[in-house]
N, C-alpha and C. Protein backbone atom coordinates (compact mmCIF):
# COMPACT_ATOMS: atom_id res chain seq x y z
N UNK A 1 23.46 -1.08 17.90
CA UNK A 1 22.91 -1.29 17.51
C UNK A 1 23.00 -2.28 16.91
N UNK A 2 20.97 -3.16 16.97
CA UNK A 2 21.53 -4.81 16.72
C UNK A 2 20.76 -4.64 15.55
N UNK A 3 20.57 -5.40 14.51
CA UNK A 3 20.92 -5.41 12.98
C UNK A 3 18.81 -4.92 13.23
N UNK A 4 18.06 -6.26 14.56
CA UNK A 4 16.54 -6.35 14.66
C UNK A 4 16.16 -5.03 15.36
N UNK A 5 17.06 -3.65 15.52
CA UNK A 5 16.84 -3.22 16.22
C UNK A 5 16.63 -1.84 15.35
N UNK A 6 17.44 -1.98 14.28
CA UNK A 6 17.93 -1.71 13.31
C UNK A 6 16.73 -1.43 12.67
N UNK A 7 16.50 -2.38 11.91
CA UNK A 7 14.97 -2.20 11.23
C UNK A 7 14.05 -2.14 11.47
N UNK A 8 13.96 -2.24 13.45
CA UNK A 8 12.75 -1.24 13.59
C UNK A 8 12.63 0.34 13.44
N UNK A 9 13.69 0.77 13.60
CA UNK A 9 13.60 2.13 13.54
C UNK A 9 13.37 2.44 11.94
N UNK A 10 13.74 1.78 10.86
CA UNK A 10 13.96 2.09 9.30
C UNK A 10 12.46 2.31 9.63
N UNK A 11 12.42 1.21 10.04
CA UNK A 11 10.38 1.56 9.96
C UNK A 11 9.39 1.54 10.65
N UNK A 12 9.96 2.53 10.92
CA UNK A 12 9.90 4.00 11.99
C UNK A 12 8.69 3.23 13.52
N UNK A 13 9.33 2.16 13.73
CA UNK A 13 8.80 1.90 15.45
C UNK A 13 9.84 1.58 16.37
N UNK A 14 8.79 1.64 17.12
CA UNK A 14 9.83 1.99 18.87
C UNK A 14 8.90 1.55 19.62
N UNK A 15 9.72 0.23 20.13
CA UNK A 15 9.08 -0.98 21.35
C UNK A 15 8.90 0.14 22.40
N UNK A 16 7.67 -0.92 22.81
CA UNK A 16 7.16 0.10 24.15
C UNK A 16 7.57 -0.37 25.43
N UNK A 17 7.83 0.68 26.46
CA UNK A 17 8.70 0.27 27.36
C UNK A 17 8.09 -0.99 28.33
N UNK A 18 9.26 -2.12 29.64
CA UNK A 18 8.52 -2.95 29.68
C UNK A 18 7.54 -2.65 30.98
N UNK A 19 6.30 -3.25 30.73
CA UNK A 19 4.60 -3.02 31.93
C UNK A 19 5.31 -3.54 32.92
N UNK A 20 5.38 -3.85 33.82
CA UNK A 20 5.26 -4.73 35.38
C UNK A 20 4.00 -5.42 35.35
N UNK A 21 4.60 -6.80 35.04
CA UNK A 21 3.51 -7.44 35.41
C UNK A 21 2.03 -7.17 36.56
N UNK A 22 1.41 -8.06 35.66
CA UNK A 22 -0.37 -8.17 36.03
C UNK A 22 0.08 -8.99 37.80
N UNK A 23 0.30 -9.84 37.68
CA UNK A 23 -0.31 -10.97 38.78
C UNK A 23 1.14 -11.78 39.02
N UNK A 24 0.99 -13.62 39.83
CA UNK A 24 2.86 -13.83 39.58
C UNK A 24 2.51 -15.46 38.41
N UNK A 25 3.12 -14.76 37.59
CA UNK A 25 4.28 -15.10 36.65
C UNK A 25 4.78 -14.31 35.92
N UNK A 26 5.54 -14.81 35.22
CA UNK A 26 7.03 -13.71 33.93
C UNK A 26 6.77 -13.90 32.94
N UNK A 27 6.53 -12.89 32.61
CA UNK A 27 6.55 -12.12 31.08
C UNK A 27 7.01 -13.39 30.63
N UNK A 28 8.82 -13.85 30.69
CA UNK A 28 9.57 -15.14 29.92
C UNK A 28 9.73 -15.88 30.60
N UNK A 29 10.05 -16.91 29.87
CA UNK A 29 10.99 -18.51 30.50
C UNK A 29 11.95 -18.77 29.53
N UNK A 30 12.77 -18.93 29.73
CA UNK A 30 14.09 -19.55 28.89
C UNK A 30 13.84 -21.07 29.71
N UNK A 31 14.17 -21.97 29.39
CA UNK A 31 14.34 -23.15 29.30
C UNK A 31 14.32 -23.75 27.80
N UNK A 32 16.39 -23.76 27.73
CA UNK A 32 17.37 -24.15 27.15
C UNK A 32 17.62 -22.95 25.81
N UNK A 33 17.29 -23.61 24.57
CA UNK A 33 17.37 -22.61 23.54
C UNK A 33 15.73 -22.24 23.59
N UNK A 34 15.11 -22.21 23.87
CA UNK A 34 13.39 -21.85 23.82
C UNK A 34 13.08 -20.83 24.77
N UNK A 35 12.12 -19.82 24.59
CA UNK A 35 11.43 -18.68 25.71
C UNK A 35 10.31 -18.84 24.94
N UNK A 36 9.33 -19.15 26.54
CA UNK A 36 8.21 -18.97 26.34
C UNK A 36 8.16 -17.45 26.30
N UNK A 37 6.74 -17.24 25.76
CA UNK A 37 6.17 -15.68 26.20
C UNK A 37 5.16 -15.81 26.24
N UNK A 38 5.15 -15.87 27.92
CA UNK A 38 3.37 -14.88 28.12
C UNK A 38 2.31 -14.94 28.02
N UNK A 39 1.11 -14.11 27.47
CA UNK A 39 0.16 -14.24 26.75
C UNK A 39 0.78 -12.59 27.30
N UNK A 40 0.39 -11.51 26.06
CA UNK A 40 0.30 -9.97 25.85
C UNK A 40 -0.97 -9.47 25.78
N UNK A 41 -1.25 -8.27 26.16
CA UNK A 41 -2.80 -7.33 25.33
C UNK A 41 -1.99 -5.91 25.24
N UNK A 42 -3.36 -6.25 24.41
CA UNK A 42 -2.62 -4.38 23.63
C UNK A 42 -2.47 -3.73 24.51
N UNK A 43 -1.55 -3.53 24.48
CA UNK A 43 -0.87 -1.95 25.70
C UNK A 43 -0.68 -0.68 25.47
N UNK A 44 -1.31 -0.09 25.59
CA UNK A 44 0.09 2.33 25.27
C UNK A 44 0.82 1.54 26.09
N UNK A 45 2.03 2.54 25.90
CA UNK A 45 3.24 2.15 27.19
C UNK A 45 2.98 2.54 28.30
N UNK A 46 1.42 3.98 28.93
CA UNK A 46 1.70 3.94 29.66
C UNK A 46 0.57 3.03 30.75
N UNK A 47 0.50 1.55 30.09
CA UNK A 47 0.47 0.20 30.94
C UNK A 47 -1.61 0.81 30.05
N UNK A 48 -2.51 1.89 30.15
CA UNK A 48 -3.49 1.85 29.97
C UNK A 48 -3.73 0.75 28.31
N UNK A 49 -5.06 0.10 28.21
CA UNK A 49 -5.25 -0.68 27.47
C UNK A 49 -6.40 0.07 25.99
N UNK A 50 -5.93 -0.38 25.08
CA UNK A 50 -5.91 0.79 24.02
C UNK A 50 -7.02 -0.14 22.97
N UNK A 51 -6.89 -1.63 23.35
CA UNK A 51 -8.09 -2.24 22.40
C UNK A 51 -8.43 -3.13 23.13
N UNK A 52 -9.71 -3.33 24.08
CA UNK A 52 -10.75 -2.85 25.51
C UNK A 52 -11.62 -3.26 24.37
N UNK A 53 -12.41 -4.31 24.37
CA UNK A 53 -14.11 -5.05 24.00
C UNK A 53 -14.28 -6.03 22.49
N UNK A 54 -15.18 -6.86 22.04
CA UNK A 54 -14.94 -7.99 21.02
C UNK A 54 -15.23 -6.89 19.26
N UNK A 55 -14.51 -8.65 18.87
CA UNK A 55 -14.31 -8.09 17.72
C UNK A 55 -15.90 -8.80 16.74
N UNK A 56 -16.16 -7.66 15.97
CA UNK A 56 -17.62 -8.46 15.77
C UNK A 56 -18.31 -7.42 16.09
N UNK A 57 -18.28 -6.91 17.30
CA UNK A 57 -19.17 -5.29 18.19
C UNK A 57 -18.66 -4.44 18.45
N UNK A 58 -17.20 -4.01 18.93
CA UNK A 58 -16.55 -3.13 18.77
C UNK A 58 -15.40 -2.35 17.75
N UNK A 59 -15.28 -4.10 17.30
CA UNK A 59 -13.44 -3.39 16.34
C UNK A 59 -14.31 -4.44 14.68
N UNK A 60 -13.99 -3.92 14.05
CA UNK A 60 -14.00 -4.76 12.86
C UNK A 60 -12.76 -5.43 11.86
N UNK A 61 -12.45 -5.78 11.58
CA UNK A 61 -10.97 -7.08 11.55
C UNK A 61 -9.36 -6.11 11.59
N UNK A 62 -9.64 -5.14 10.81
CA UNK A 62 -8.39 -4.01 10.39
C UNK A 62 -7.69 -3.68 11.57
N UNK A 63 -8.91 -2.78 12.56
CA UNK A 63 -9.14 -2.60 14.19
C UNK A 63 -7.62 -4.40 14.48
N UNK A 64 -8.64 -5.25 14.18
CA UNK A 64 -8.15 -6.64 14.95
C UNK A 64 -7.06 -6.39 14.72
N UNK A 65 -6.36 -6.77 13.39
CA UNK A 65 -5.26 -6.81 13.25
C UNK A 65 -3.93 -5.64 13.82
N UNK A 66 -4.30 -4.85 13.82
CA UNK A 66 -3.76 -2.54 14.88
C UNK A 66 -3.65 -3.71 16.20
N UNK A 67 -4.60 -4.55 16.57
CA UNK A 67 -4.99 -5.13 18.03
C UNK A 67 -3.53 -5.69 18.04
N UNK A 68 -3.62 -6.36 16.87
CA UNK A 68 -2.33 -7.44 16.89
C UNK A 68 -1.09 -7.10 17.14
N UNK A 69 -0.93 -6.22 15.72
CA UNK A 69 0.37 -5.52 15.70
C UNK A 69 1.07 -5.37 17.21
N UNK A 70 0.20 -4.17 18.11
CA UNK A 70 0.55 -3.49 18.88
C UNK A 70 0.94 -4.61 20.02
N UNK A 71 -0.61 -5.43 20.66
CA UNK A 71 0.32 -6.66 21.15
C UNK A 71 1.93 -7.14 21.06
N UNK A 72 1.96 -7.28 19.25
CA UNK A 72 3.38 -8.73 19.59
C UNK A 72 5.06 -6.94 19.28
N UNK A 73 4.63 -5.76 20.02
CA UNK A 73 5.43 -4.70 19.70
C UNK A 73 5.27 -5.71 21.37
N UNK A 74 4.84 -5.43 21.84
CA UNK A 74 4.73 -5.39 22.98
C UNK A 74 5.69 -7.12 24.18
N UNK A 75 5.25 -7.74 22.50
CA UNK A 75 6.21 -9.17 23.13
C UNK A 75 7.17 -9.51 22.39
N UNK A 76 7.87 -8.51 21.95
CA UNK A 76 9.43 -8.02 21.52
C UNK A 76 9.83 -7.55 22.41
N UNK A 77 9.07 -6.68 23.39
CA UNK A 77 10.22 -5.77 24.71
C UNK A 77 10.09 -6.55 26.17
N UNK A 78 9.42 -7.23 25.95
CA UNK A 78 10.25 -8.72 26.69
C UNK A 78 10.95 -9.51 26.75
N UNK A 79 10.96 -9.68 24.67
CA UNK A 79 11.66 -10.71 24.67
C UNK A 79 13.30 -9.84 24.51
N UNK A 80 13.36 -8.46 23.96
CA UNK A 80 14.25 -7.58 24.52
C UNK A 80 14.86 -7.71 25.72
N UNK A 81 13.80 -7.26 27.07
CA UNK A 81 14.63 -7.91 28.18
C UNK A 81 14.93 -8.94 28.52
N UNK A 82 13.87 -10.42 28.28
CA UNK A 82 14.74 -11.57 28.48
C UNK A 82 16.77 -12.17 27.88
N UNK A 83 16.55 -11.34 26.35
CA UNK A 83 17.19 -11.11 25.89
C UNK A 83 19.17 -10.57 26.30
N UNK A 84 18.09 -9.41 25.52
CA UNK A 84 18.95 -8.70 26.11
C UNK A 84 19.09 -7.71 24.91
N UNK A 85 19.11 -8.42 23.90
CA UNK A 85 19.09 -8.07 22.47
C UNK A 85 18.33 -9.30 21.55
N UNK A 86 17.83 -7.92 20.51
CA UNK A 86 16.84 -9.60 19.77
C UNK A 86 18.15 -9.93 19.15
N UNK A 87 19.01 -9.50 18.21
CA UNK A 87 19.59 -10.28 17.51
C UNK A 87 19.65 -11.58 18.24
N UNK A 88 19.54 -12.14 19.19
CA UNK A 88 18.97 -13.81 19.22
C UNK A 88 18.66 -14.40 18.97
N UNK A 89 17.30 -14.06 18.74
CA UNK A 89 15.89 -14.16 17.88
C UNK A 89 16.62 -15.79 17.20
N UNK A 90 16.41 -16.86 16.50
CA UNK A 90 17.15 -17.96 15.56
C UNK A 90 15.88 -17.37 14.48
N UNK A 91 14.36 -18.25 15.20
CA UNK A 91 13.46 -17.86 14.50
C UNK A 91 11.83 -18.65 15.86
N UNK A 92 10.94 -17.41 15.30
CA UNK A 92 9.07 -17.56 15.86
C UNK A 92 9.04 -19.40 15.61
N UNK A 93 8.70 -19.50 16.78
CA UNK A 93 8.21 -21.37 16.81
C UNK A 93 7.14 -21.39 16.56
N UNK A 94 5.71 -21.19 17.11
CA UNK A 94 4.62 -20.94 17.53
C UNK A 94 3.63 -19.36 18.12
N UNK A 95 2.98 -18.70 17.58
CA UNK A 95 2.07 -17.84 18.36
C UNK A 95 0.01 -19.21 18.46
N UNK A 96 0.50 -17.75 19.35
CA UNK A 96 -1.10 -18.84 19.51
C UNK A 96 -2.38 -17.37 20.35
N UNK A 97 -2.75 -16.62 18.89
CA UNK A 97 -3.21 -15.61 18.95
C UNK A 97 -4.79 -15.67 19.10
N UNK A 98 -5.50 -15.31 20.36
CA UNK A 98 -7.33 -15.55 21.67
C UNK A 98 -7.08 -13.73 21.04
N UNK A 99 -9.09 -14.15 20.94
CA UNK A 99 -9.69 -13.06 19.67
C UNK A 99 -10.46 -13.00 20.65
N UNK A 100 -10.87 -11.68 21.57
CA UNK A 100 -12.50 -11.51 21.72
C UNK A 100 -13.53 -11.55 20.73
N UNK A 101 -14.48 -11.21 20.85
CA UNK A 101 -15.87 -11.68 19.61
C UNK A 101 -16.82 -12.88 20.30
N UNK A 102 -17.64 -12.27 19.28
CA UNK A 102 -18.86 -12.30 19.31
C UNK A 102 -19.36 -13.83 18.43
N UNK A 103 -19.42 -14.29 18.79
CA UNK A 103 -19.58 -15.59 18.52
C UNK A 103 -20.15 -15.74 16.93
N UNK A 104 -19.75 -15.26 15.81
CA UNK A 104 -20.61 -14.56 14.44
C UNK A 104 -19.73 -14.45 13.71
N UNK A 105 -18.77 -14.34 15.11
CA UNK A 105 -17.15 -13.71 14.28
C UNK A 105 -16.40 -14.75 13.78
N UNK A 106 -15.97 -14.69 12.47
CA UNK A 106 -14.48 -15.96 12.37
C UNK A 106 -13.28 -15.45 11.08
N UNK A 107 -13.56 -14.34 12.03
CA UNK A 107 -12.39 -14.18 10.76
C UNK A 107 -10.96 -13.97 12.04
N UNK A 108 -10.52 -15.04 12.91
CA UNK A 108 -9.80 -14.52 13.82
C UNK A 108 -8.58 -14.81 12.86
N UNK A 109 -8.70 -15.92 11.76
CA UNK A 109 -6.98 -16.12 10.91
C UNK A 109 -6.68 -14.89 10.77
N UNK A 110 -7.40 -13.72 10.02
CA UNK A 110 -7.35 -12.28 9.18
C UNK A 110 -6.85 -11.46 10.49
N UNK A 111 -7.71 -11.11 11.74
CA UNK A 111 -6.83 -10.45 13.15
C UNK A 111 -5.58 -11.04 12.81
N UNK A 112 -5.14 -12.27 13.64
CA UNK A 112 -3.86 -12.92 13.70
C UNK A 112 -2.85 -12.69 12.70
N UNK A 113 -2.59 -11.67 10.86
CA UNK A 113 -2.17 -11.75 10.55
C UNK A 113 -1.58 -10.74 10.66
N UNK A 114 -2.27 -9.37 11.50
CA UNK A 114 -1.07 -7.96 12.73
C UNK A 114 0.19 -8.33 12.87
N UNK A 115 -0.52 -9.30 13.81
CA UNK A 115 1.19 -10.38 14.52
C UNK A 115 1.63 -10.45 13.60
N UNK A 116 1.91 -11.12 12.50
CA UNK A 116 2.18 -12.35 11.74
C UNK A 116 3.29 -11.28 10.69
N UNK A 117 2.45 -10.54 9.50
CA UNK A 117 2.94 -9.99 9.00
C UNK A 117 4.32 -8.43 9.82
N UNK A 118 4.05 -8.18 10.35
CA UNK A 118 4.77 -7.80 11.77
C UNK A 118 6.05 -8.10 11.63
N UNK A 119 6.31 -9.57 12.97
CA UNK A 119 7.18 -10.32 12.81
C UNK A 119 7.71 -11.07 11.49
N UNK A 120 7.62 -11.14 10.61
CA UNK A 120 8.03 -11.35 8.97
C UNK A 120 8.45 -9.88 8.02
N UNK A 121 8.15 -8.62 8.91
CA UNK A 121 8.67 -7.61 8.23
C UNK A 121 9.87 -7.36 9.00
N UNK A 122 10.00 -8.00 10.51
CA UNK A 122 11.02 -7.31 11.46
C UNK A 122 12.79 -7.96 10.70
N UNK A 123 11.64 -9.51 11.47
CA UNK A 123 13.25 -10.25 11.12
C UNK A 123 12.77 -11.84 9.63
N UNK A 124 12.19 -10.88 8.74
CA UNK A 124 12.40 -12.24 7.33
C UNK A 124 11.72 -13.37 7.82
N UNK A 125 11.55 -13.77 6.71
CA UNK A 125 10.26 -14.90 6.75
C UNK A 125 11.09 -16.58 7.37
N UNK A 126 12.90 -16.45 7.28
CA UNK A 126 13.13 -17.10 7.44
C UNK A 126 13.23 -17.37 9.27
N UNK A 127 13.13 -16.41 9.78
CA UNK A 127 13.11 -16.02 10.89
C UNK A 127 11.38 -16.05 11.62
N UNK A 128 11.28 -14.60 11.71
CA UNK A 128 9.52 -14.02 11.56
C UNK A 128 8.87 -15.19 11.50
N UNK A 129 8.76 -16.45 10.39
CA UNK A 129 7.69 -17.30 9.95
C UNK A 129 7.92 -18.31 10.83
N UNK A 130 6.03 -18.60 11.57
CA UNK A 130 6.10 -19.31 12.47
C UNK A 130 4.78 -19.93 11.62
N UNK A 131 4.76 -21.76 13.04
CA UNK A 131 3.37 -21.93 13.26
C UNK A 131 2.24 -21.37 14.25
N UNK A 132 1.28 -21.36 13.77
CA UNK A 132 -0.15 -20.55 14.54
C UNK A 132 -1.67 -21.32 14.44
N UNK A 133 -1.94 -20.20 15.89
CA UNK A 133 -3.28 -21.30 15.81
C UNK A 133 -4.12 -19.59 16.39
N UNK A 134 -5.24 -19.15 15.51
CA UNK A 134 -5.33 -18.20 16.66
C UNK A 134 -7.79 -18.51 16.81
N UNK A 135 -7.87 -18.27 18.06
CA UNK A 135 -9.16 -18.77 18.01
C UNK A 135 -9.59 -17.46 18.78
N UNK A 136 -10.60 -17.97 18.81
CA UNK A 136 -11.77 -16.77 19.09
C UNK A 136 -12.34 -17.88 20.43
N UNK A 137 -12.27 -16.12 21.55
CA UNK A 137 -12.40 -16.10 22.71
C UNK A 137 -14.18 -15.26 23.41
N UNK A 138 -14.47 -15.57 24.52
CA UNK A 138 -16.04 -15.20 24.90
C UNK A 138 -14.90 -14.02 25.83
N UNK A 139 -14.68 -13.77 26.57
CA UNK A 139 -13.68 -12.61 27.69
C UNK A 139 -12.06 -13.08 28.06
N UNK A 140 -11.08 -11.84 28.05
CA UNK A 140 -10.13 -12.68 27.32
C UNK A 140 -9.72 -11.83 29.22
N UNK A 141 -8.23 -11.36 29.73
CA UNK A 141 -8.20 -10.57 30.73
C UNK A 141 -8.90 -9.15 30.49
N UNK A 142 -8.99 -8.34 31.56
CA UNK A 142 -9.10 -6.62 31.31
C UNK A 142 -10.17 -6.57 30.09
N UNK A 143 -11.20 -7.45 29.60
CA UNK A 143 -11.73 -7.18 28.02
C UNK A 143 -10.95 -6.77 26.41
N UNK A 144 -9.50 -7.33 26.69
CA UNK A 144 -8.80 -7.18 25.74
C UNK A 144 -9.17 -7.45 24.85
N UNK A 145 -9.08 -7.01 23.53
CA UNK A 145 -10.03 -7.69 22.33
C UNK A 145 -8.39 -8.58 21.58
N UNK A 146 -7.52 -8.66 22.16
CA UNK A 146 -6.38 -10.23 21.44
C UNK A 146 -5.59 -9.93 22.37
N UNK A 147 -5.05 -11.48 22.46
CA UNK A 147 -4.21 -11.18 23.72
C UNK A 147 -3.06 -12.32 23.01
N UNK A 148 -1.60 -12.52 22.83
CA UNK A 148 -0.98 -13.48 21.92
C UNK A 148 0.55 -14.40 22.83
N UNK A 149 0.38 -15.05 23.23
CA UNK A 149 1.69 -15.56 23.95
C UNK A 149 2.27 -16.73 22.58
N UNK A 150 3.55 -16.70 22.75
CA UNK A 150 4.51 -16.78 21.19
C UNK A 150 6.14 -18.30 21.72
N UNK A 151 5.64 -18.91 20.94
CA UNK A 151 7.80 -20.07 21.78
C UNK A 151 8.19 -19.53 21.06
N UNK A 152 9.65 -18.85 21.24
CA UNK A 152 11.11 -19.32 20.10
C UNK A 152 12.14 -19.21 19.80
N UNK A 153 12.38 -19.58 19.41
CA UNK A 153 14.04 -20.36 19.73
C UNK A 153 15.44 -19.32 20.07
N UNK A 154 16.32 -18.85 20.47
CA UNK A 154 17.05 -18.46 20.29
C UNK A 154 18.29 -19.12 20.35
N UNK A 155 19.74 -18.48 20.48
CA UNK A 155 21.38 -18.81 20.25
C UNK A 155 20.81 -18.46 21.58
N UNK A 156 22.01 -19.28 21.99
CA UNK A 156 22.79 -19.51 23.61
C UNK A 156 23.45 -18.22 23.23
């Protein structure tokens, strides 16, 4: 068991199973030392959507942070499948956090903290800290409340 896996276990977290892709794309794409992680949503281990709705109507900011945390766990599962070992992650370069919300909702950056906080808790600040954009969206696939994509630098 690698350091990252041990850290997840110590935190009481289990990575969900890798879910089948839903369309004509791959969940991750490695190019040199970069892994591009496709947009992931807040899916339960059985593939059902846990957070379907909009921030500002159906969910609170705290719910949104929990949704972002769940999305991040699903992304880590995809990275684990791509890399074989999460200890190969050298740094999270960039996250794009998309939040389905009402036009009046202005706390996308706070929702994104659910993902950022988890990454720094699991990987430490040197590896887990990243550049980030958090944007509001009128719609996301399947009505999900949060979708996140990432760029990750790895060791060979």
